[in-house]
Protein backbone atom coordinates (compact mmCIF):
# COMPACT_ATOMS: atom_id res chain seq x y z
CA MET A 1 -29.78 4.81 11.30
CA GLN A 2 -31.46 2.37 8.44
CA LYS A 3 -30.41 5.42 5.81
CA ASP A 4 -26.68 4.73 7.18
CA ILE A 5 -26.80 1.05 6.75
CA GLU A 6 -28.20 1.53 3.06
CA GLN A 7 -25.35 4.34 2.13
CA ASN A 8 -22.51 1.44 3.57
CA ASN A 9 -24.14 -1.58 1.88
CA GLY A 10 -21.31 -3.20 -0.24
CA ARG A 11 -18.60 -0.79 1.08
CA GLU A 12 -16.32 -0.53 3.53
CA ARG A 13 -17.26 1.17 7.12
CA ALA A 14 -15.26 4.55 7.63
CA ASP A 15 -14.58 2.57 11.18
CA LYS A 16 -13.02 -0.29 9.53
CA LEU A 17 -10.57 0.47 6.67
CA PRO A 18 -9.67 -1.82 4.25
CA GLU A 19 -6.14 -3.92 5.32
CA TRP A 20 -4.62 -2.41 1.71
CA LEU A 21 -5.22 1.02 3.07
CA GLU A 22 -3.46 0.28 5.97
CA LEU A 23 -0.45 -1.09 4.31
CA VAL A 24 -0.38 1.86 1.71
CA ARG A 25 -0.12 4.00 4.79
CA GLN A 26 2.76 1.98 6.42
CA HIS A 27 4.89 2.32 2.82
CA VAL A 28 4.42 6.02 2.55
CA ASN A 29 5.16 6.69 6.20
CA SER A 30 8.70 4.59 5.87
CA LEU A 31 9.76 6.87 2.62
CA LYS A 32 12.00 9.79 2.55
CA PHE A 33 11.83 9.85 -1.23
CA GLY A 34 10.03 7.54 -3.51
CA THR A 35 6.54 6.14 -5.19
CA VAL A 36 3.99 3.73 -3.49
CA GLN A 37 2.12 2.23 -6.84
CA ILE A 38 -1.09 0.80 -6.40
CA THR A 39 -2.45 -1.53 -9.31
CA VAL A 40 -5.99 -2.37 -9.28
CA HIS A 41 -7.94 -5.04 -10.75
CA ASP A 42 -11.78 -5.56 -11.39
CA SER A 43 -12.48 -2.55 -8.56
CA ARG A 44 -9.92 -4.43 -5.97
CA VAL A 45 -6.33 -3.53 -4.90
CA THR A 46 -4.16 -6.60 -5.91
CA GLN A 47 -0.37 -5.11 -5.68
CA ILE A 48 1.21 -2.34 -3.69
CA GLU A 49 4.80 -1.35 -5.10
CA ARG A 50 7.04 0.60 -2.81
CA VAL A 51 10.34 1.94 -4.85
CA GLU A 52 12.83 3.94 -2.66
CA LYS A 53 15.13 6.22 -3.60
CA VAL A 54 18.51 7.50 -2.34
CA ARG A 55 19.36 11.05 -2.40
CA LEU A 56 23.19 11.98 -1.90
CA ASP A 57 23.66 15.50 -1.02
CA ARG A 58 26.81 15.99 -2.81
CA PRO A 59 28.86 14.09 -5.42
CA ASN A 60 30.85 11.17 -4.31
CA PRO A 61 34.81 12.25 -4.10
CA VAL A 62 35.84 8.65 -5.78
CA LEU A 63 33.82 9.16 -8.66
CA THR A 64 34.87 12.44 -9.54
CA ARG A 65 38.60 11.96 -9.97
């Protein structure tokens, strides 16, 4: 038991995930096509960006005239 406490000293425990990880999970789960980018400063996640792409199966007939 003491060894487990020492190994987790200063880190998030497996049963308590960090808030940023849940945010990343939500962004990834809500995308069909796109990217999720994580920005880190001083070993901390400081920003999460989501870029969503819309894929069209066929060309737009208005633009092909």
